Each structure stands twice: as C-alpha cells, then as structure tokens.
All heavy atoms as atom14 arrays in JSON, in Angstrom:
{
  "sequence": "FDDTAVYYCYARDVVASISGYDYWGQGTQV",
  "atom14_mask": [
    [1, 1, 1, 1, 1, 1, 1, 1, 1, 1, 1, 0, 0, 0],
    [1, 1, 1, 1, 1, 1, 1, 1, 0, 0, 0, 0, 0, 0],
    [1, 1, 1, 1, 1, 1, 1, 1, 0, 0, 0, 0, 0, 0],
    [1, 1, 1, 1, 1, 1, 1, 0, 0, 0, 0, 0, 0, 0],
    [1, 1, 1, 1, 1, 0, 0, 0, 0, 0, 0, 0, 0, 0],
    [1, 1, 1, 1, 1, 1, 1, 0, 0, 0, 0, 0, 0, 0],
    [1, 1, 1, 1, 1, 1, 1, 1, 1, 1, 1, 1, 0, 0],
    [1, 1, 1, 1, 1, 1, 1, 1, 1, 1, 1, 1, 0, 0],
    [1, 1, 1, 1, 1, 1, 0, 0, 0, 0, 0, 0, 0, 0],
    [1, 1, 1, 1, 1, 1, 1, 1, 1, 1, 1, 1, 0, 0],
    [1, 1, 1, 1, 1, 0, 0, 0, 0, 0, 0, 0, 0, 0],
    [1, 1, 1, 1, 1, 1, 1, 1, 1, 1, 1, 0, 0, 0],
    [1, 1, 1, 1, 1, 1, 1, 1, 0, 0, 0, 0, 0, 0],
    [1, 1, 1, 1, 1, 1, 1, 0, 0, 0, 0, 0, 0, 0],
    [1, 1, 1, 1, 1, 1, 1, 0, 0, 0, 0, 0, 0, 0],
    [1, 1, 1, 1, 1, 0, 0, 0, 0, 0, 0, 0, 0, 0],
    [1, 1, 1, 1, 1, 1, 0, 0, 0, 0, 0, 0, 0, 0],
    [1, 1, 1, 1, 1, 1, 1, 1, 0, 0, 0, 0, 0, 0],
    [1, 1, 1, 1, 1, 1, 0, 0, 0, 0, 0, 0, 0, 0],
    [1, 1, 1, 1, 0, 0, 0, 0, 0, 0, 0, 0, 0, 0],
    [1, 1, 1, 1, 1, 1, 1, 1, 1, 1, 1, 1, 0, 0],
    [1, 1, 1, 1, 1, 1, 1, 1, 0, 0, 0, 0, 0, 0],
    [1, 1, 1, 1, 1, 1, 1, 1, 1, 1, 1, 1, 0, 0],
    [1, 1, 1, 1, 1, 1, 1, 1, 1, 1, 1, 1, 1, 1],
    [1, 1, 1, 1, 0, 0, 0, 0, 0, 0, 0, 0, 0, 0],
    [1, 1, 1, 1, 1, 1, 1, 1, 1, 0, 0, 0, 0, 0],
    [1, 1, 1, 1, 0, 0, 0, 0, 0, 0, 0, 0, 0, 0],
    [1, 1, 1, 1, 1, 1, 1, 0, 0, 0, 0, 0, 0, 0],
    [1, 1, 1, 1, 1, 1, 1, 1, 1, 0, 0, 0, 0, 0],
    [1, 1, 1, 1, 1, 1, 1, 0, 0, 0, 0, 0, 0, 0]
  ],
  "atom14_positions": [
    [[-85.8, 77.41, 180.91], [-84.72, 76.45, 181.25], [-84.64, 76.31, 182.85], [-84.3, 75.22, 183.26], [-83.43, 76.93, 180.73], [-82.27, 76.01, 180.98], [-82.19, 74.87, 180.22], [-81.29, 76.31, 181.91], [-81.05, 73.97, 180.42], [-80.29, 75.42, 182.15], [-80.1, 74.33, 181.55], [0.0, 0.0, 0.0], [0.0, 0.0, 0.0], [0.0, 0.0, 0.0]],
    [[-84.76, 77.41, 183.5], [-84.57, 77.41, 185.03], [-85.69, 76.7, 185.66], [-85.57, 76.38, 186.88], [-84.47, 78.84, 185.56], [-83.16, 79.48, 185.25], [-82.23, 78.71, 184.86], [-83.0, 80.76, 185.34], [0.0, 0.0, 0.0], [0.0, 0.0, 0.0], [0.0, 0.0, 0.0], [0.0, 0.0, 0.0], [0.0, 0.0, 0.0], [0.0, 0.0, 0.0]],
    [[-86.73, 76.34, 185.01], [-87.76, 75.51, 185.56], [-87.34, 74.01, 185.73], [-88.05, 73.23, 186.29], [-89.11, 75.59, 184.76], [-89.71, 77.06, 184.83], [-89.59, 77.57, 185.92], [-90.24, 77.46, 183.85], [0.0, 0.0, 0.0], [0.0, 0.0, 0.0], [0.0, 0.0, 0.0], [0.0, 0.0, 0.0], [0.0, 0.0, 0.0], [0.0, 0.0, 0.0]],
    [[-86.23, 73.68, 185.1], [-85.75, 72.22, 185.1], [-85.46, 71.97, 186.57], [-84.62, 72.69, 187.28], [-84.48, 72.09, 184.28], [-84.86, 72.25, 182.94], [-83.93, 70.69, 184.43], [0.0, 0.0, 0.0], [0.0, 0.0, 0.0], [0.0, 0.0, 0.0], [0.0, 0.0, 0.0], [0.0, 0.0, 0.0], [0.0, 0.0, 0.0], [0.0, 0.0, 0.0]],
    [[-86.12, 70.9, 187.1], [-85.93, 70.55, 188.51], [-86.67, 69.32, 188.7], [-87.5, 68.77, 187.9], [-86.47, 71.66, 189.39], [0.0, 0.0, 0.0], [0.0, 0.0, 0.0], [0.0, 0.0, 0.0], [0.0, 0.0, 0.0], [0.0, 0.0, 0.0], [0.0, 0.0, 0.0], [0.0, 0.0, 0.0], [0.0, 0.0, 0.0], [0.0, 0.0, 0.0]],
    [[-86.44, 68.62, 189.97], [-87.28, 67.67, 190.39], [-88.48, 68.24, 191.21], [-88.17, 69.15, 192.08], [-86.47, 66.67, 191.28], [-87.47, 65.49, 191.89], [-85.42, 65.89, 190.56], [0.0, 0.0, 0.0], [0.0, 0.0, 0.0], [0.0, 0.0, 0.0], [0.0, 0.0, 0.0], [0.0, 0.0, 0.0], [0.0, 0.0, 0.0], [0.0, 0.0, 0.0]],
    [[-89.59, 67.97, 190.83], [-90.85, 68.53, 191.4], [-91.37, 67.54, 192.46], [-91.67, 66.39, 192.26], [-91.81, 68.96, 190.39], [-91.5, 70.08, 189.66], [-90.39, 70.04, 188.71], [-92.24, 71.44, 189.8], [-90.14, 71.24, 188.02], [-91.84, 72.51, 189.09], [-90.84, 72.44, 188.17], [-90.44, 73.59, 187.54], [0.0, 0.0, 0.0], [0.0, 0.0, 0.0]],
    [[-91.6, 68.15, 193.64], [-92.1, 67.19, 194.74], [-93.5, 67.7, 195.14], [-93.79, 68.89, 195.45], [-91.15, 67.34, 195.98], [-89.77, 66.76, 195.71], [-88.77, 67.62, 195.32], [-89.49, 65.48, 195.98], [-87.53, 67.16, 195.08], [-88.12, 64.96, 195.59], [-87.28, 65.85, 195.22], [-85.9, 65.29, 195.01], [0.0, 0.0, 0.0], [0.0, 0.0, 0.0]],
    [[-94.41, 66.8, 195.4], [-95.64, 67.0, 195.79], [-95.64, 67.1, 197.49], [-94.93, 66.28, 198.07], [-96.56, 65.9, 195.39], [-98.45, 66.2, 195.99], [0.0, 0.0, 0.0], [0.0, 0.0, 0.0], [0.0, 0.0, 0.0], [0.0, 0.0, 0.0], [0.0, 0.0, 0.0], [0.0, 0.0, 0.0], [0.0, 0.0, 0.0], [0.0, 0.0, 0.0]],
    [[-96.33, 67.86, 198.03], [-96.4, 68.09, 199.41], [-97.87, 68.11, 199.94], [-98.73, 68.63, 199.24], [-95.68, 69.39, 199.83], [-95.97, 69.75, 201.19], [-95.24, 69.32, 202.28], [-96.94, 70.76, 201.38], [-95.57, 69.81, 203.67], [-97.27, 71.29, 202.77], [-96.53, 70.69, 203.81], [-96.82, 71.15, 205.1], [0.0, 0.0, 0.0], [0.0, 0.0, 0.0]],
    [[-97.98, 67.55, 201.1], [-99.31, 67.55, 201.82], [-99.26, 67.66, 203.27], [-98.31, 66.88, 203.8], [-100.27, 66.56, 201.24], [0.0, 0.0, 0.0], [0.0, 0.0, 0.0], [0.0, 0.0, 0.0], [0.0, 0.0, 0.0], [0.0, 0.0, 0.0], [0.0, 0.0, 0.0], [0.0, 0.0, 0.0], [0.0, 0.0, 0.0], [0.0, 0.0, 0.0]],
    [[-100.12, 68.45, 203.85], [-100.08, 68.34, 205.29], [-101.49, 67.84, 205.8], [-102.54, 68.3, 205.28], [-99.9, 69.79, 205.96], [-100.34, 69.82, 207.46], [-99.69, 71.14, 208.01], [-98.21, 71.15, 208.14], [-97.61, 72.13, 208.77], [-98.24, 72.97, 209.38], [-96.25, 71.96, 208.72], [0.0, 0.0, 0.0], [0.0, 0.0, 0.0], [0.0, 0.0, 0.0]],
    [[-101.43, 66.79, 206.44], [-102.65, 66.12, 206.95], [-102.82, 66.47, 208.36], [-101.96, 66.33, 209.19], [-102.42, 64.5, 206.81], [-103.78, 63.74, 207.02], [-104.74, 64.42, 206.75], [-103.76, 62.56, 207.51], [0.0, 0.0, 0.0], [0.0, 0.0, 0.0], [0.0, 0.0, 0.0], [0.0, 0.0, 0.0], [0.0, 0.0, 0.0], [0.0, 0.0, 0.0]],
    [[-104.04, 67.04, 208.67], [-104.41, 67.41, 210.06], [-105.34, 66.61, 210.75], [-106.41, 66.42, 210.2], [-104.9, 68.88, 209.95], [-105.3, 69.32, 211.37], [-103.84, 69.81, 209.38], [0.0, 0.0, 0.0], [0.0, 0.0, 0.0], [0.0, 0.0, 0.0], [0.0, 0.0, 0.0], [0.0, 0.0, 0.0], [0.0, 0.0, 0.0], [0.0, 0.0, 0.0]],
    [[-105.07, 65.89, 211.81], [-105.86, 65.08, 212.53], [-106.76, 65.91, 213.46], [-107.93, 65.78, 213.61], [-105.1, 64.08, 213.34], [-106.06, 63.23, 214.12], [-104.25, 63.19, 212.47], [0.0, 0.0, 0.0], [0.0, 0.0, 0.0], [0.0, 0.0, 0.0], [0.0, 0.0, 0.0], [0.0, 0.0, 0.0], [0.0, 0.0, 0.0], [0.0, 0.0, 0.0]],
    [[-106.07, 66.87, 214.09], [-106.68, 67.79, 214.96], [-105.82, 69.09, 214.93], [-104.86, 69.08, 214.46], [-106.91, 67.27, 216.39], [0.0, 0.0, 0.0], [0.0, 0.0, 0.0], [0.0, 0.0, 0.0], [0.0, 0.0, 0.0], [0.0, 0.0, 0.0], [0.0, 0.0, 0.0], [0.0, 0.0, 0.0], [0.0, 0.0, 0.0], [0.0, 0.0, 0.0]],
    [[-106.37, 70.08, 215.72], [-105.58, 71.33, 215.62], [-104.2, 71.18, 216.27], [-103.26, 71.92, 216.07], [-106.36, 72.36, 216.53], [-106.66, 71.99, 217.78], [0.0, 0.0, 0.0], [0.0, 0.0, 0.0], [0.0, 0.0, 0.0], [0.0, 0.0, 0.0], [0.0, 0.0, 0.0], [0.0, 0.0, 0.0], [0.0, 0.0, 0.0], [0.0, 0.0, 0.0]],
    [[-104.0, 70.33, 217.05], [-102.59, 69.94, 217.72], [-101.84, 68.91, 216.95], [-100.78, 68.46, 217.36], [-102.88, 69.52, 219.17], [-103.65, 68.21, 219.25], [-103.5, 70.67, 219.94], [-103.79, 67.65, 220.7], [0.0, 0.0, 0.0], [0.0, 0.0, 0.0], [0.0, 0.0, 0.0], [0.0, 0.0, 0.0], [0.0, 0.0, 0.0], [0.0, 0.0, 0.0]],
    [[-102.4, 68.18, 215.99], [-101.75, 67.16, 215.22], [-101.63, 67.4, 213.69], [-102.86, 67.24, 213.05], [-102.37, 65.83, 215.58], [-102.27, 65.55, 216.93], [0.0, 0.0, 0.0], [0.0, 0.0, 0.0], [0.0, 0.0, 0.0], [0.0, 0.0, 0.0], [0.0, 0.0, 0.0], [0.0, 0.0, 0.0], [0.0, 0.0, 0.0], [0.0, 0.0, 0.0]],
    [[-100.54, 67.71, 213.13], [-100.31, 67.9, 211.8], [-99.09, 67.08, 211.24], [-98.2, 67.17, 212.01], [0.0, 0.0, 0.0], [0.0, 0.0, 0.0], [0.0, 0.0, 0.0], [0.0, 0.0, 0.0], [0.0, 0.0, 0.0], [0.0, 0.0, 0.0], [0.0, 0.0, 0.0], [0.0, 0.0, 0.0], [0.0, 0.0, 0.0], [0.0, 0.0, 0.0]],
    [[-99.25, 66.47, 210.15], [-98.22, 65.7, 209.72], [-97.9, 65.95, 208.27], [-98.72, 66.17, 207.35], [-98.54, 64.27, 209.8], [-98.77, 63.76, 211.14], [-100.01, 63.66, 211.69], [-97.7, 63.26, 212.04], [-100.28, 63.2, 213.08], [-97.86, 62.94, 213.22], [-99.28, 62.81, 213.82], [-99.35, 62.44, 215.11], [0.0, 0.0, 0.0], [0.0, 0.0, 0.0]],
    [[-96.62, 66.17, 207.9], [-96.2, 66.54, 206.5], [-95.77, 65.23, 205.7], [-95.05, 64.39, 206.27], [-95.1, 67.55, 206.63], [-95.36, 68.8, 207.24], [-96.55, 69.1, 207.26], [-94.5, 69.44, 207.79], [0.0, 0.0, 0.0], [0.0, 0.0, 0.0], [0.0, 0.0, 0.0], [0.0, 0.0, 0.0], [0.0, 0.0, 0.0], [0.0, 0.0, 0.0]],
    [[-96.13, 65.21, 204.5], [-95.79, 64.17, 203.61], [-95.26, 64.63, 202.28], [-95.62, 65.72, 201.88], [-97.09, 63.34, 203.35], [-97.63, 62.59, 204.61], [-98.6, 63.15, 205.4], [-97.09, 61.35, 204.94], [-99.07, 62.57, 206.52], [-97.61, 60.78, 206.13], [-98.6, 61.36, 206.84], [-99.08, 60.76, 208.06], [0.0, 0.0, 0.0], [0.0, 0.0, 0.0]],
    [[-94.43, 63.96, 201.8], [-93.7, 64.34, 200.43], [-93.78, 63.18, 199.41], [-93.65, 61.92, 199.86], [-92.25, 64.57, 200.68], [-92.01, 65.81, 201.48], [-91.92, 65.88, 202.82], [-91.87, 67.17, 201.1], [-91.73, 67.12, 203.24], [-91.72, 68.01, 202.15], [-92.08, 67.68, 199.78], [-91.58, 69.33, 202.04], [-91.8, 69.15, 199.66], [-91.68, 69.94, 200.79]],
    [[-93.96, 63.44, 198.18], [-93.92, 62.54, 197.07], [-92.43, 62.18, 196.8], [-91.5, 62.81, 197.41], [0.0, 0.0, 0.0], [0.0, 0.0, 0.0], [0.0, 0.0, 0.0], [0.0, 0.0, 0.0], [0.0, 0.0, 0.0], [0.0, 0.0, 0.0], [0.0, 0.0, 0.0], [0.0, 0.0, 0.0], [0.0, 0.0, 0.0], [0.0, 0.0, 0.0]],
    [[-92.24, 61.19, 195.86], [-90.89, 60.77, 195.61], [-90.21, 61.83, 194.62], [-89.03, 61.78, 194.57], [-91.01, 59.36, 194.89], [-91.38, 58.25, 195.9], [-90.2, 58.04, 196.86], [-88.98, 58.2, 196.64], [-90.61, 57.89, 198.23], [0.0, 0.0, 0.0], [0.0, 0.0, 0.0], [0.0, 0.0, 0.0], [0.0, 0.0, 0.0], [0.0, 0.0, 0.0]],
    [[-91.06, 62.57, 193.96], [-90.49, 63.56, 193.05], [-90.68, 63.09, 191.63], [-90.55, 61.92, 191.3], [0.0, 0.0, 0.0], [0.0, 0.0, 0.0], [0.0, 0.0, 0.0], [0.0, 0.0, 0.0], [0.0, 0.0, 0.0], [0.0, 0.0, 0.0], [0.0, 0.0, 0.0], [0.0, 0.0, 0.0], [0.0, 0.0, 0.0], [0.0, 0.0, 0.0]],
    [[-90.82, 64.09, 190.68], [-90.98, 63.81, 189.29], [-89.92, 64.75, 188.53], [-89.98, 66.02, 188.78], [-92.28, 63.81, 188.74], [-92.36, 63.48, 187.43], [-92.98, 65.21, 188.92], [0.0, 0.0, 0.0], [0.0, 0.0, 0.0], [0.0, 0.0, 0.0], [0.0, 0.0, 0.0], [0.0, 0.0, 0.0], [0.0, 0.0, 0.0], [0.0, 0.0, 0.0]],
    [[-89.26, 64.29, 187.64], [-88.22, 65.09, 186.94], [-88.97, 65.92, 185.77], [-89.64, 65.36, 185.03], [-87.06, 64.23, 186.41], [-86.17, 65.11, 185.58], [-85.28, 65.91, 186.28], [-84.76, 65.55, 187.41], [-85.0, 67.12, 185.88], [0.0, 0.0, 0.0], [0.0, 0.0, 0.0], [0.0, 0.0, 0.0], [0.0, 0.0, 0.0], [0.0, 0.0, 0.0]],
    [[-88.73, 67.21, 185.77], [-89.13, 68.06, 184.74], [-87.92, 68.73, 184.1], [-87.11, 69.4, 184.72], [-90.03, 69.08, 185.27], [-90.42, 70.09, 184.06], [-91.37, 68.45, 185.81], [0.0, 0.0, 0.0], [0.0, 0.0, 0.0], [0.0, 0.0, 0.0], [0.0, 0.0, 0.0], [0.0, 0.0, 0.0], [0.0, 0.0, 0.0], [0.0, 0.0, 0.0]]
  ]
}
C-alpha cells in the first residue's frame, strides 16, 4: 500500500564534464 505514489522518471544529460542537465517526466500515478 505504501508504494502508492506518483512515480517520476529522471534523467541527467551530460554534454561535457562541466555541463549536466536534469530532466523530469510528468509523472505517472501508481
């Protein structure tokens, strides 16, 4: 039951060692 939550996907995109960007999905209800 405690697994009930909105689950969000995450990704870090690395252009170079000095440039990293974080991205998030809209979320999906479980």
